[in-house]
């Protein structure tokens, strides 16, 4: 058994596998076992793998349970010390595994870690889904070092120091296998989007650290499964964000945070409507009602989590900072606004 297992979750991703799996094989097979977890694909992914990579291990999930359940089902069958959850639309580079594993080996408090994630289409810029590490504001809006909302920064070495972050990107997440299973893995209710933030928040509530390793670099296409302009993506983002903050924030903050979020989500839905995004408008409304229907289930989950004031939460309103104060870069944010 190798210490590291790379698990690529695939759903109808034959072209991504054809394009990017050779890089994974070239730069990883000496350091890790490479596994494809197929989420009941309907394309020719399996045939492609069997013809071109007959020795690679394939885990066949019986249904497409999304990103969360797909990984939970697959990883229940993988024995390793470290898992690497890797999107199929990522191009890895030389020596992308060793620096992260060395960092995690050196400190048992580190539960998960991510590399520097650059854009595949614009290699000089950070990529939306992770950049150089994720954070979140006190109202539940996630952002990254290198990406605030839709604004992506150019990589000029400004984030080339290893640092603690709030969440590691699910596009390329290194995680201790034992902790993954001890903390229940990803939440199946999320299906896709923000489940990695919820998982990292639970780890941080338990006293573990999430880190960023600049010495490991990958390139991410992004939007490979759900395009950026998708009403389903809008629905999942808004619904999952409400579940995320409800499960994890301290009790004394719930009323204020949710009152604020209902107002801001209403404003967002109206903006969708004014911009002609009727499907996105209804997706936000659907997300709110969907969350309310699951509140009793989320309460049960919340009771199993020890909520606490953890580091990495930005104690300002990122919407105000970005849209009203015109702060477009991570370095523009007030450094004293982060909880210690």
C-alpha atoms as a PDB file:
ATOM      1  CA  UNK A   1       0.000   0.000   0.000  1.00  0.00           C
ATOM      2  CA  UNK A   2       1.377   3.402  -0.995  1.00  0.00           C
ATOM      3  CA  UNK A   3       1.093   6.204   1.545  1.00  0.00           C
ATOM      4  CA  UNK A   4      -0.727   8.436  -0.925  1.00  0.00           C
ATOM      5  CA  UNK A   5      -3.786   7.701  -3.047  1.00  0.00           C
ATOM      6  CA  UNK A   6      -4.876  10.087  -5.793  1.00  0.00           C
ATOM      7  CA  UNK A   7      -8.589   9.659  -6.365  1.00  0.00           C
ATOM      8  CA  UNK A   8     -10.036  11.335  -9.456  1.00  0.00           C
ATOM      9  CA  UNK A   9     -13.828  11.540  -9.435  1.00  0.00           C
ATOM     10  CA  UNK A  10     -15.128  11.165 -12.980  1.00  0.00           C
ATOM     11  CA  UNK A  11     -18.554  11.788 -14.441  1.00  0.00           C
ATOM     12  CA  UNK A  12     -18.760  11.834 -18.233  1.00  0.00           C
ATOM     13  CA  UNK A  13     -15.238  13.232 -18.321  1.00  0.00           C
ATOM     14  CA  UNK A  14     -13.642  11.161 -21.064  1.00  0.00           C
ATOM     15  CA  UNK A  15     -12.041  14.168 -22.742  1.00  0.00           C
ATOM     16  CA  UNK A  16     -10.593  15.459 -19.487  1.00  0.00           C
ATOM     17  CA  UNK A  17      -9.162  12.016 -18.743  1.00  0.00           C
ATOM     18  CA  UNK A  18      -7.682  11.821 -22.231  1.00  0.00           C
ATOM     19  CA  UNK A  19      -6.112  15.251 -21.859  1.00  0.00           C
ATOM     20  CA  UNK A  20      -4.946  15.352 -18.251  1.00  0.00           C
ATOM     21  CA  UNK A  21      -4.510  11.780 -17.000  1.00  0.00           C
ATOM     22  CA  UNK A  22      -1.158  11.437 -18.835  1.00  0.00           C
ATOM     23  CA  UNK A  23       0.244  14.268 -16.687  1.00  0.00           C
ATOM     24  CA  UNK A  24      -1.046  12.600 -13.522  1.00  0.00           C
ATOM     25  CA  UNK A  25       0.606   9.356 -14.562  1.00  0.00           C
ATOM     26  CA  UNK A  26       3.877  11.029 -15.527  1.00  0.00           C
ATOM     27  CA  UNK A  27       4.295  13.126 -12.392  1.00  0.00           C
ATOM     28  CA  UNK A  28       2.576  10.962  -9.769  1.00  0.00           C
ATOM     29  CA  UNK A  29       2.845   7.222 -10.264  1.00  0.00           C
ATOM     30  CA  UNK A  30       6.147   6.964  -8.367  1.00  0.00           C
ATOM     31  CA  UNK A  31       4.622   8.742  -5.361  1.00  0.00           C
ATOM     32  CA  UNK A  32       1.037   7.570  -5.239  1.00  0.00           C
ATOM     33  CA  UNK A  33      -1.561   5.039  -6.273  1.00  0.00           C
ATOM     34  CA  UNK A  34      -3.820   6.520  -8.954  1.00  0.00           C
ATOM     35  CA  UNK A  35      -7.500   5.629  -8.795  1.00  0.00           C
ATOM     36  CA  UNK A  36     -10.467   6.668 -10.934  1.00  0.00           C
ATOM     37  CA  UNK A  37     -13.793   6.792  -9.104  1.00  0.00           C
ATOM     38  CA  UNK A  38     -16.502   6.778 -11.738  1.00  0.00           C
ATOM     39  CA  UNK A  39     -19.854   8.298 -10.840  1.00  0.00           C
ATOM     40  CA  UNK A  40     -22.001   6.149 -13.151  1.00  0.00           C
ATOM     41  CA  UNK A  41     -20.792   7.890 -16.303  1.00  0.00           C
ATOM     42  CA  UNK A  42     -22.888   7.608 -19.450  1.00  0.00           C
ATOM     43  CA  UNK A  43     -20.113   8.464 -21.890  1.00  0.00           C
ATOM     44  CA  UNK A  44     -17.227   6.206 -22.972  1.00  0.00           C
ATOM     45  CA  UNK A  45     -14.972   7.048 -19.997  1.00  0.00           C
ATOM     46  CA  UNK A  46     -14.711   3.467 -18.784  1.00  0.00           C
ATOM     47  CA  UNK A  47     -14.010   2.077 -22.238  1.00  0.00           C
ATOM     48  CA  UNK A  48     -11.309   4.702 -22.722  1.00  0.00           C
ATOM     49  CA  UNK A  49      -9.642   3.782 -19.417  1.00  0.00           C
ATOM     50  CA  UNK A  50      -9.836   0.041 -20.050  1.00  0.00           C
ATOM     51  CA  UNK A  51      -8.272   0.437 -23.496  1.00  0.00           C
ATOM     52  CA  UNK A  52      -5.558   2.942 -22.611  1.00  0.00           C
ATOM     53  CA  UNK A  53      -4.878   2.383 -18.901  1.00  0.00           C
ATOM     54  CA  UNK A  54      -5.663  -1.283 -18.256  1.00  0.00           C
ATOM     55  CA  UNK A  55      -3.671  -1.334 -15.003  1.00  0.00           C
ATOM     56  CA  UNK A  56      -5.328   1.658 -13.374  1.00  0.00           C
ATOM     57  CA  UNK A  57      -7.782   0.911 -10.602  1.00  0.00           C
ATOM     58  CA  UNK A  58     -11.395   1.932 -11.284  1.00  0.00           C
ATOM     59  CA  UNK A  59     -14.024   2.212  -8.560  1.00  0.00           C
ATOM     60  CA  UNK A  60     -17.532   1.996 -10.007  1.00  0.00           C
ATOM     61  CA  UNK A  61     -20.056   4.053  -8.032  1.00  0.00           C
ATOM     62  CA  UNK A  62     -23.537   2.708  -8.746  1.00  0.00           C
ATOM     63  CA  UNK A  63     -25.169   6.134  -8.980  1.00  0.00           C
ATOM     64  CA  UNK A  64     -24.145   9.728  -9.551  1.00  0.00           C
ATOM     65  CA  UNK A  65     -24.403  11.056  -6.018  1.00  0.00           C
ATOM     66  CA  UNK A  66     -22.526  14.211  -6.889  1.00  0.00           C
ATOM     67  CA  UNK A  67     -19.108  15.291  -5.678  1.00  0.00           C
ATOM     68  CA  UNK A  68     -19.796  14.627  -1.993  1.00  0.00           C
ATOM     69  CA  UNK A  69     -21.393  11.189  -2.069  1.00  0.00           C
ATOM     70  CA  UNK A  70     -19.217  10.171  -4.997  1.00  0.00           C
ATOM     71  CA  UNK A  71     -16.071  10.678  -2.960  1.00  0.00           C
ATOM     72  CA  UNK A  72     -17.560   9.208   0.196  1.00  0.00           C
ATOM     73  CA  UNK A  73     -18.562   6.028  -1.627  1.00  0.00           C
ATOM     74  CA  UNK A  74     -15.190   5.729  -3.330  1.00  0.00           C
ATOM     75  CA  UNK A  75     -12.942   6.557  -0.385  1.00  0.00           C
ATOM     76  CA  UNK A  76     -14.685   3.979   1.785  1.00  0.00           C
ATOM     77  CA  UNK A  77     -12.888   1.485  -0.485  1.00  0.00           C
ATOM     78  CA  UNK A  78      -9.439   3.105  -0.461  1.00  0.00           C
ATOM     79  CA  UNK A  79      -6.785   2.360   2.154  1.00  0.00           C
ATOM     80  CA  UNK A  80      -4.023   4.947   2.397  1.00  0.00           C
ATOM     81  CA  UNK A  81      -2.466   7.407   4.821  1.00  0.00           C
ATOM     82  CA  UNK A  82      -3.191  10.409   2.629  1.00  0.00           C
ATOM     83  CA  UNK A  83      -5.902  11.021   0.061  1.00  0.00           C
ATOM     84  CA  UNK A  84      -5.602  13.509  -2.775  1.00  0.00           C
ATOM     85  CA  UNK A  85      -9.009  14.522  -4.095  1.00  0.00           C
ATOM     86  CA  UNK A  86      -8.205  15.632  -7.642  1.00  0.00           C
ATOM     87  CA  UNK A  87     -10.537  17.022 -10.279  1.00  0.00           C
ATOM     88  CA  UNK A  88     -10.317  15.407 -13.699  1.00  0.00           C
ATOM     89  CA  UNK A  89      -9.824  18.839 -15.341  1.00  0.00           C
ATOM     90  CA  UNK A  90      -6.515  19.597 -13.616  1.00  0.00           C
ATOM     91  CA  UNK A  91      -3.048  19.497 -15.146  1.00  0.00           C
ATOM     92  CA  UNK A  92      -0.504  18.590 -12.482  1.00  0.00           C
ATOM     93  CA  UNK A  93       3.172  19.505 -12.691  1.00  0.00           C
ATOM     94  CA  UNK A  94       6.496  17.971 -11.686  1.00  0.00           C
ATOM     95  CA  UNK A  95       7.021  17.495  -7.939  1.00  0.00           C
ATOM     96  CA  UNK A  96       3.490  18.511  -7.012  1.00  0.00           C
ATOM     97  CA  UNK A  97       3.006  15.831  -4.342  1.00  0.00           C
ATOM     98  CA  UNK A  98       6.184  15.697  -2.265  1.00  0.00           C
ATOM     99  CA  UNK A  99       6.202  19.293  -0.881  1.00  0.00           C
ATOM    100  CA  UNK A 100       2.670  18.937   0.456  1.00  0.00           C
ATOM    101  CA  UNK A 101       3.248  15.543   2.040  1.00  0.00           C
ATOM    102  CA  UNK A 102       6.476  16.803   3.621  1.00  0.00           C
ATOM    103  CA  UNK A 103       4.578  19.734   5.119  1.00  0.00           C
ATOM    104  CA  UNK A 104       1.859  17.479   6.514  1.00  0.00           C
ATOM    105  CA  UNK A 105       4.341  14.889   7.797  1.00  0.00           C
ATOM    106  CA  UNK A 106       6.097  17.621   9.745  1.00  0.00           C
ATOM    107  CA  UNK A 107       2.977  18.747  11.617  1.00  0.00           C
ATOM    108  CA  UNK A 108       0.232  16.361  12.726  1.00  0.00           C
ATOM    109  CA  UNK A 109      -2.085  19.297  13.367  1.00  0.00           C
ATOM    110  CA  UNK A 110      -2.418  19.843   9.610  1.00  0.00           C
ATOM    111  CA  UNK A 111      -5.519  17.950   8.507  1.00  0.00           C
ATOM    112  CA  UNK A 112      -5.745  19.141   4.902  1.00  0.00           C
ATOM    113  CA  UNK A 113      -3.710  21.132   2.440  1.00  0.00           C
ATOM    114  CA  UNK A 114      -3.906  22.538  -1.073  1.00  0.00           C
ATOM    115  CA  UNK A 115      -1.357  23.578  -3.720  1.00  0.00           C
ATOM    116  CA  UNK A 116      -1.247  26.813  -5.700  1.00  0.00           C
ATOM    117  CA  UNK A 117      -4.063  26.580  -8.245  1.00  0.00           C
ATOM    118  CA  UNK A 118      -3.549  28.552 -11.451  1.00  0.00           C
ATOM    119  CA  UNK A 119      -5.861  28.962 -14.424  1.00  0.00           C
ATOM    120  CA  UNK A 120      -5.320  26.467 -17.226  1.00  0.00           C
ATOM    121  CA  UNK A 121      -6.576  28.949 -19.823  1.00  0.00           C
ATOM    122  CA  UNK A 122      -4.735  31.951 -18.339  1.00  0.00           C
ATOM    123  CA  UNK A 123      -1.665  30.413 -16.667  1.00  0.00           C
ATOM    124  CA  UNK A 124      -0.459  33.727 -15.266  1.00  0.00           C
ATOM    125  CA  UNK A 125      -3.604  34.137 -13.172  1.00  0.00           C
ATOM    126  CA  UNK A 126      -5.029  32.306 -10.192  1.00  0.00           C
ATOM    127  CA  UNK A 127      -7.996  30.016 -10.763  1.00  0.00           C
ATOM    128  CA  UNK A 128     -11.396  30.676  -9.233  1.00  0.00           C
ATOM    129  CA  UNK A 129     -11.778  27.419  -7.311  1.00  0.00           C
ATOM    130  CA  UNK A 130      -9.057  27.771  -4.725  1.00  0.00           C
ATOM    131  CA  UNK A 131      -6.305  30.119  -5.952  1.00  0.00           C
ATOM    132  CA  UNK A 132      -3.859  30.119  -3.013  1.00  0.00           C
ATOM    133  CA  UNK A 133      -6.242  29.093  -0.275  1.00  0.00           C
ATOM    134  CA  UNK A 134      -9.792  29.756   0.805  1.00  0.00           C
ATOM    135  CA  UNK A 135     -11.300  31.990   3.477  1.00  0.00           C
ATOM    136  CA  UNK A 136     -14.811  33.049   4.456  1.00  0.00           C
ATOM    137  CA  UNK A 137     -16.421  36.161   5.901  1.00  0.00           C
ATOM    138  CA  UNK A 138     -18.670  36.219   8.956  1.00  0.00           C
ATOM    139  CA  UNK A 139     -21.797  36.094   6.768  1.00  0.00           C
ATOM    140  CA  UNK A 140     -20.678  32.961   4.955  1.00  0.00           C
ATOM    141  CA  UNK A 141     -19.292  34.419   1.723  1.00  0.00           C
ATOM    142  CA  UNK A 142     -16.270  32.353   0.620  1.00  0.00           C
ATOM    143  CA  UNK A 143     -13.263  33.901  -1.124  1.00  0.00           C
ATOM    144  CA  UNK A 144      -9.600  33.142  -1.772  1.00  0.00           C
ATOM    145  CA  UNK A 145      -6.182  34.659  -1.580  1.00  0.00           C
ATOM    146  CA  UNK A 146      -6.016  35.674  -5.211  1.00  0.00           C
ATOM    147  CA  UNK A 147      -9.771  35.733  -5.917  1.00  0.00           C
ATOM    148  CA  UNK A 148     -12.544  37.925  -4.535  1.00  0.00           C
ATOM    149  CA  UNK A 149     -15.913  37.118  -6.100  1.00  0.00           C
ATOM    150  CA  UNK A 150     -15.231  37.137  -9.878  1.00  0.00           C
ATOM    151  CA  UNK A 151     -11.984  39.126  -9.734  1.00  0.00           C
ATOM    152  CA  UNK A 152      -8.907  36.977 -10.314  1.00  0.00           C
ATOM    153  CA  UNK A 153      -5.439  38.295  -9.505  1.00  0.00           C
ATOM    154  CA  UNK A 154      -2.317  37.787 -11.552  1.00  0.00           C
ATOM    155  CA  UNK A 155       0.263  35.548  -9.915  1.00  0.00           C
ATOM    156  CA  UNK A 156       3.256  37.785  -9.222  1.00  0.00           C
ATOM    157  CA  UNK A 157       4.620  35.740  -6.347  1.00  0.00           C
ATOM    158  CA  UNK A 158       2.644  37.751  -3.812  1.00  0.00           C
ATOM    159  CA  UNK A 159       1.306  34.588  -2.169  1.00  0.00           C
ATOM    160  CA  UNK A 160       4.399  32.403  -2.312  1.00  0.00           C
ATOM    161  CA  UNK A 161       4.649  31.738   1.411  1.00  0.00           C
ATOM    162  CA  UNK A 162       3.145  28.719   3.129  1.00  0.00           C
ATOM    163  CA  UNK A 163       0.308  29.804   5.373  1.00  0.00           C
ATOM    164  CA  UNK A 164      -2.724  28.635   7.302  1.00  0.00           C
ATOM    165  CA  UNK A 165      -5.985  29.066   5.425  1.00  0.00           C
ATOM    166  CA  UNK A 166      -9.636  28.472   6.242  1.00  0.00           C
ATOM    167  CA  UNK A 167     -10.530  25.943   3.537  1.00  0.00           C
ATOM    168  CA  UNK A 168      -8.687  23.918   0.928  1.00  0.00           C
ATOM    169  CA  UNK A 169     -10.115  23.576  -2.552  1.00  0.00           C
ATOM    170  CA  UNK A 170     -11.929  20.365  -3.395  1.00  0.00           C
ATOM    171  CA  UNK A 171     -10.407  20.651  -6.862  1.00  0.00           C
ATOM    172  CA  UNK A 172      -7.105  19.492  -5.375  1.00  0.00           C
ATOM    173  CA  UNK A 173      -7.252  18.646  -1.682  1.00  0.00           C
ATOM    174  CA  UNK A 174      -4.684  16.649   0.270  1.00  0.00           C
ATOM    175  CA  UNK A 175      -6.253  15.190   3.418  1.00  0.00           C
ATOM    176  CA  UNK A 176      -5.328  12.684   6.105  1.00  0.00           C
ATOM    177  CA  UNK A 177      -7.393   9.578   5.407  1.00  0.00           C
ATOM    178  CA  UNK A 178      -7.959   8.819   9.080  1.00  0.00           C
ATOM    179  CA  UNK A 179      -9.422  12.273   9.699  1.00  0.00           C
ATOM    180  CA  UNK A 180     -11.526  12.131   6.558  1.00  0.00           C
ATOM    181  CA  UNK A 181     -13.329   9.077   7.891  1.00  0.00           C
ATOM    182  CA  UNK A 182     -13.345  10.137  11.544  1.00  0.00           C
ATOM    183  CA  UNK A 183     -15.152  13.371  10.656  1.00  0.00           C
ATOM    184  CA  UNK A 184     -17.615  11.705   8.319  1.00  0.00           C
ATOM    185  CA  UNK A 185     -16.139  12.880   5.042  1.00  0.00           C
ATOM    186  CA  UNK A 186     -18.062  15.272   2.849  1.00  0.00           C
ATOM    187  CA  UNK A 187     -21.715  16.015   3.602  1.00  0.00           C
ATOM    188  CA  UNK A 188     -23.881  14.138   1.089  1.00  0.00           C
ATOM    189  CA  UNK A 189     -26.593  16.793   1.337  1.00  0.00           C
ATOM    190  CA  UNK A 190     -24.371  19.271  -0.497  1.00  0.00           C
ATOM    191  CA  UNK A 191     -24.232  17.125  -3.662  1.00  0.00           C
ATOM    192  CA  UNK A 192     -21.698  19.576  -5.155  1.00  0.00           C
ATOM    193  CA  UNK A 193     -20.225  22.993  -4.253  1.00  0.00           C
ATOM    194  CA  UNK A 194     -18.962  24.155  -0.848  1.00  0.00           C
ATOM    195  CA  UNK A 195     -18.833  20.678   0.673  1.00  0.00           C
ATOM    196  CA  UNK A 196     -15.063  21.071   1.061  1.00  0.00           C
ATOM    197  CA  UNK A 197     -15.583  24.333   2.989  1.00  0.00           C
ATOM    198  CA  UNK A 198     -17.981  22.579   5.345  1.00  0.00           C
ATOM    199  CA  UNK A 199     -15.518  19.717   5.823  1.00  0.00           C
ATOM    200  CA  UNK A 200     -12.599  22.059   6.546  1.00  0.00           C
ATOM    201  CA  UNK A 201     -14.727  24.117   8.940  1.00  0.00           C
ATOM    202  CA  UNK A 202     -15.574  20.974  10.885  1.00  0.00           C
ATOM    203  CA  UNK A 203     -11.885  20.122  11.080  1.00  0.00           C
ATOM    204  CA  UNK A 204     -11.047  23.619  12.299  1.00  0.00           C
ATOM    205  CA  UNK A 205     -13.823  23.468  14.894  1.00  0.00           C
ATOM    206  CA  UNK A 206     -12.019  20.384  16.221  1.00  0.00           C
ATOM    207  CA  UNK A 207      -8.698  22.229  16.477  1.00  0.00           C
ATOM    208  CA  UNK A 208      -6.975  21.099  13.273  1.00  0.00           C
ATOM    209  CA  UNK A 209      -5.261  23.331  10.708  1.00  0.00           C
ATOM    210  CA  UNK A 210      -5.755  23.740   6.959  1.00  0.00           C
ATOM    211  CA  UNK A 211      -2.662  24.852   5.041  1.00  0.00           C
ATOM    212  CA  UNK A 212      -1.535  26.160   1.657  1.00  0.00           C
ATOM    213  CA  UNK A 213       1.688  24.907   0.054  1.00  0.00           C
ATOM    214  CA  UNK A 214       3.114  27.258  -2.632  1.00  0.00           C
ATOM    215  CA  UNK A 215       5.776  24.772  -3.726  1.00  0.00           C
ATOM    216  CA  UNK A 216       3.123  22.606  -5.368  1.00  0.00           C
ATOM    217  CA  UNK A 217       1.469  23.992  -8.505  1.00  0.00           C
ATOM    218  CA  UNK A 218      -1.450  22.736 -10.612  1.00  0.00           C
ATOM    219  CA  UNK A 219      -3.535  24.220 -13.442  1.00  0.00           C
ATOM    220  CA  UNK A 220      -7.331  23.997 -13.322  1.00  0.00           C
ATOM    221  CA  UNK A 221      -9.789  24.350 -16.200  1.00  0.00           C
ATOM    222  CA  UNK A 222     -12.827  24.904 -13.954  1.00  0.00           C
ATOM    223  CA  UNK A 223     -16.523  24.557 -14.755  1.00  0.00           C
ATOM    224  CA  UNK A 224     -15.938  21.106 -16.170  1.00  0.00           C
ATOM    225  CA  UNK A 225     -19.087  19.493 -14.747  1.00  0.00           C
ATOM    226  CA  UNK A 226     -21.402  22.469 -14.254  1.00  0.00           C
ATOM    227  CA  UNK A 227     -20.792  25.588 -16.359  1.00  0.00           C
ATOM    228  CA  UNK A 228     -20.450  28.894 -14.509  1.00  0.00           C
ATOM    229  CA  UNK A 229     -23.729  30.168 -15.976  1.00  0.00           C
ATOM    230  CA  UNK A 230     -26.039  27.446 -14.743  1.00  0.00           C
ATOM    231  CA  UNK A 231     -29.219  27.782 -12.704  1.00  0.00           C
ATOM    232  CA  UNK A 232     -28.405  24.454 -11.012  1.00  0.00           C
ATOM    233  CA  UNK A 233     -25.029  25.869  -9.991  1.00  0.00           C
ATOM    234  CA  UNK A 234     -26.781  28.988  -8.657  1.00  0.00           C
ATOM    235  CA  UNK A 235     -29.218  26.838  -6.690  1.00  0.00           C
ATOM    236  CA  UNK A 236     -26.491  24.669  -5.185  1.00  0.00           C
ATOM    237  CA  UNK A 237     -24.300  27.637  -4.262  1.00  0.00           C
ATOM    238  CA  UNK A 238     -27.076  29.511  -2.456  1.00  0.00           C
ATOM    239  CA  UNK A 239     -28.628  26.463  -0.767  1.00  0.00           C
ATOM    240  CA  UNK A 240     -25.330  24.923   0.280  1.00  0.00           C
ATOM    241  CA  UNK A 241     -24.054  28.210   1.638  1.00  0.00           C
ATOM    242  CA  UNK A 242     -27.036  28.431   3.981  1.00  0.00           C
ATOM    243  CA  UNK A 243     -26.478  24.840   5.130  1.00  0.00           C
ATOM    244  CA  UNK A 244     -22.767  25.563   5.574  1.00  0.00           C
ATOM    245  CA  UNK A 245     -23.172  28.524   7.901  1.00  0.00           C
ATOM    246  CA  UNK A 246     -26.124  27.040   9.795  1.00  0.00           C
ATOM    247  CA  UNK A 247     -24.135  23.929  10.689  1.00  0.00           C
ATOM    248  CA  UNK A 248     -20.926  25.611  11.742  1.00  0.00           C
ATOM    249  CA  UNK A 249     -21.319  29.115  13.189  1.00  0.00           C
ATOM    250  CA  UNK A 250     -21.619  29.709  16.948  1.00  0.00           C
ATOM    251  CA  UNK A 251     -25.192  29.875  18.242  1.00  0.00           C
ATOM    252  CA  UNK A 252     -25.065  33.522  19.268  1.00  0.00           C
ATOM    253  CA  UNK A 253     -24.380  34.552  15.658  1.00  0.00           C
ATOM    254  CA  UNK A 254     -27.132  32.625  13.886  1.00  0.00           C
ATOM    255  CA  UNK A 255     -29.931  35.207  14.057  1.00  0.00           C
ATOM    256  CA  UNK A 256     -27.835  38.151  12.894  1.00  0.00           C
ATOM    257  CA  UNK A 257     -26.099  36.207  10.153  1.00  0.00           C
ATOM    258  CA  UNK A 258     -29.268  34.695   8.722  1.00  0.00           C
ATOM    259  CA  UNK A 259     -31.206  37.946   8.867  1.00  0.00           C
ATOM    260  CA  UNK A 260     -28.410  39.615   6.919  1.00  0.00           C
ATOM    261  CA  UNK A 261     -28.134  36.753   4.458  1.00  0.00           C
ATOM    262  CA  UNK A 262     -31.855  36.668   3.672  1.00  0.00           C
ATOM    263  CA  UNK A 263     -31.658  40.367   2.768  1.00  0.00           C
ATOM    264  CA  UNK A 264     -28.524  39.997   0.620  1.00  0.00           C
ATOM    265  CA  UNK A 265     -29.854  36.862  -1.091  1.00  0.00           C
ATOM    266  CA  UNK A 266     -33.084  38.718  -1.886  1.00  0.00           C
ATOM    267  CA  UNK A 267     -31.059  41.544  -3.419  1.00  0.00           C
ATOM    268  CA  UNK A 268     -29.058  39.009  -5.437  1.00  0.00           C
ATOM    269  CA  UNK A 269     -32.230  37.359  -6.736  1.00  0.00           C
ATOM    270  CA  UNK A 270     -33.678  40.722  -7.804  1.00  0.00           C
ATOM    271  CA  UNK A 271     -30.442  41.549  -9.620  1.00  0.00           C
ATOM    272  CA  UNK A 272     -30.686  38.224 -11.468  1.00  0.00           C
ATOM    273  CA  UNK A 273     -34.240  39.134 -12.456  1.00  0.00           C
ATOM    274  CA  UNK A 274     -33.324  42.633 -13.656  1.00  0.00           C
ATOM    275  CA  UNK A 275     -30.462  41.154 -15.706  1.00  0.00           C
ATOM    276  CA  UNK A 276     -32.850  38.751 -17.414  1.00  0.00           C
ATOM    277  CA  UNK A 277     -31.710  35.733 -15.423  1.00  0.00           C
ATOM    278  CA  UNK A 278     -35.161  34.352 -14.680  1.00  0.00           C
ATOM    279  CA  UNK A 279     -33.905  30.821 -14.051  1.00  0.00           C
ATOM    280  CA  UNK A 280     -31.279  32.147 -11.615  1.00  0.00           C
ATOM    281  CA  UNK A 281     -33.925  34.244  -9.820  1.00  0.00           C
ATOM    282  CA  UNK A 282     -36.068  31.164  -9.231  1.00  0.00           C
ATOM    283  CA  UNK A 283     -32.961  29.148  -8.320  1.00  0.00           C
ATOM    284  CA  UNK A 284     -32.261  31.493  -5.378  1.00  0.00           C
ATOM    285  CA  UNK A 285     -35.878  31.271  -4.171  1.00  0.00           C
ATOM    286  CA  UNK A 286     -35.807  27.501  -4.583  1.00  0.00           C
ATOM    287  CA  UNK A 287     -32.552  27.355  -2.616  1.00  0.00           C
ATOM    288  CA  UNK A 288     -34.059  29.216   0.325  1.00  0.00           C
ATOM    289  CA  UNK A 289     -37.133  26.993   0.519  1.00  0.00           C
ATOM    290  CA  UNK A 290     -35.011  23.886   0.046  1.00  0.00           C
ATOM    291  CA  UNK A 291     -32.848  24.905   2.990  1.00  0.00           C
ATOM    292  CA  UNK A 292     -35.911  25.501   5.174  1.00  0.00           C
ATOM    293  CA  UNK A 293     -37.236  22.040   4.343  1.00  0.00           C
ATOM    294  CA  UNK A 294     -34.031  20.465   5.649  1.00  0.00           C
ATOM    295  CA  UNK A 295     -33.609  22.547   8.815  1.00  0.00           C
ATOM    296  CA  UNK A 296     -34.548  19.697  11.159  1.00  0.00           C
ATOM    297  CA  UNK A 297     -31.890  17.474   9.560  1.00  0.00           C
ATOM    298  CA  UNK A 298     -29.299  20.242   9.735  1.00  0.00           C
ATOM    299  CA  UNK A 299     -30.081  20.794  13.432  1.00  0.00           C
ATOM    300  CA  UNK A 300     -29.185  17.151  14.116  1.00  0.00           C
ATOM    301  CA  UNK A 301     -25.876  17.600  12.277  1.00  0.00           C
ATOM    302  CA  UNK A 302     -25.178  20.845  14.083  1.00  0.00           C
ATOM    303  CA  UNK A 303     -25.559  19.137  17.455  1.00  0.00           C
ATOM    304  CA  UNK A 304     -22.740  16.752  16.521  1.00  0.00           C
ATOM    305  CA  UNK A 305     -20.327  19.635  15.832  1.00  0.00           C
ATOM    306  CA  UNK A 306     -18.492  21.659  18.465  1.00  0.00           C
ATOM    307  CA  UNK A 307     -18.891  25.194  17.087  1.00  0.00           C
ATOM    308  CA  UNK A 308     -16.179  27.631  18.138  1.00  0.00           C
ATOM    309  CA  UNK A 309     -14.553  30.900  17.142  1.00  0.00           C
ATOM    310  CA  UNK A 310     -11.924  29.676  14.676  1.00  0.00           C
ATOM    311  CA  UNK A 311      -9.172  31.485  12.824  1.00  0.00           C
ATOM    312  CA  UNK A 312      -9.558  32.604   9.225  1.00  0.00           C
ATOM    313  CA  UNK A 313     -13.048  34.126   9.358  1.00  0.00           C
ATOM    314  CA  UNK A 314     -13.091  37.673   8.008  1.00  0.00           C
ATOM    315  CA  UNK A 315     -15.029  39.838  10.453  1.00  0.00           C
ATOM    316  CA  UNK A 316     -16.332  42.223   7.817  1.00  0.00           C
ATOM    317  CA  UNK A 317     -19.027  41.980   5.169  1.00  0.00           C
ATOM    318  CA  UNK A 318     -17.234  40.984   1.974  1.00  0.00           C
ATOM    319  CA  UNK A 319     -20.141  42.210  -0.180  1.00  0.00           C
ATOM    320  CA  UNK A 320     -19.736  45.700   1.251  1.00  0.00           C
ATOM    321  CA  UNK A 321     -15.940  45.542   1.024  1.00  0.00           C
ATOM    322  CA  UNK A 322     -15.992  44.443  -2.609  1.00  0.00           C
ATOM    323  CA  UNK A 323     -18.948  46.242  -4.166  1.00  0.00           C
ATOM    324  CA  UNK A 324     -19.083  49.443  -2.109  1.00  0.00           C
ATOM    325  CA  UNK A 325     -15.512  49.968  -0.909  1.00  0.00           C
ATOM    326  CA  UNK A 326     -14.133  48.623  -4.220  1.00  0.00           C
ATOM    327  CA  UNK A 327     -11.608  46.289  -2.626  1.00  0.00           C
ATOM    328  CA  UNK A 328     -10.692  43.879  -5.378  1.00  0.00           C
ATOM    329  CA  UNK A 329      -7.634  42.055  -4.011  1.00  0.00           C
ATOM    330  CA  UNK A 330      -7.086  39.921  -0.952  1.00  0.00           C
ATOM    331  CA  UNK A 331      -4.306  42.276   0.125  1.00  0.00           C
ATOM    332  CA  UNK A 332      -6.802  45.181   0.027  1.00  0.00           C
ATOM    333  CA  UNK A 333      -8.753  43.650   2.907  1.00  0.00           C
ATOM    334  CA  UNK A 334      -8.071  44.814   6.460  1.00  0.00           C
ATOM    335  CA  UNK A 335      -5.551  42.440   7.968  1.00  0.00           C
ATOM    336  CA  UNK A 336      -7.015  43.005  11.434  1.00  0.00           C
ATOM    337  CA  UNK A 337     -10.391  41.835  10.150  1.00  0.00           C
ATOM    338  CA  UNK A 338      -9.412  38.160  10.409  1.00  0.00           C
ATOM    339  CA  UNK A 339     -10.068  36.218  13.591  1.00  0.00           C
ATOM    340  CA  UNK A 340      -6.977  34.836  15.287  1.00  0.00           C
END
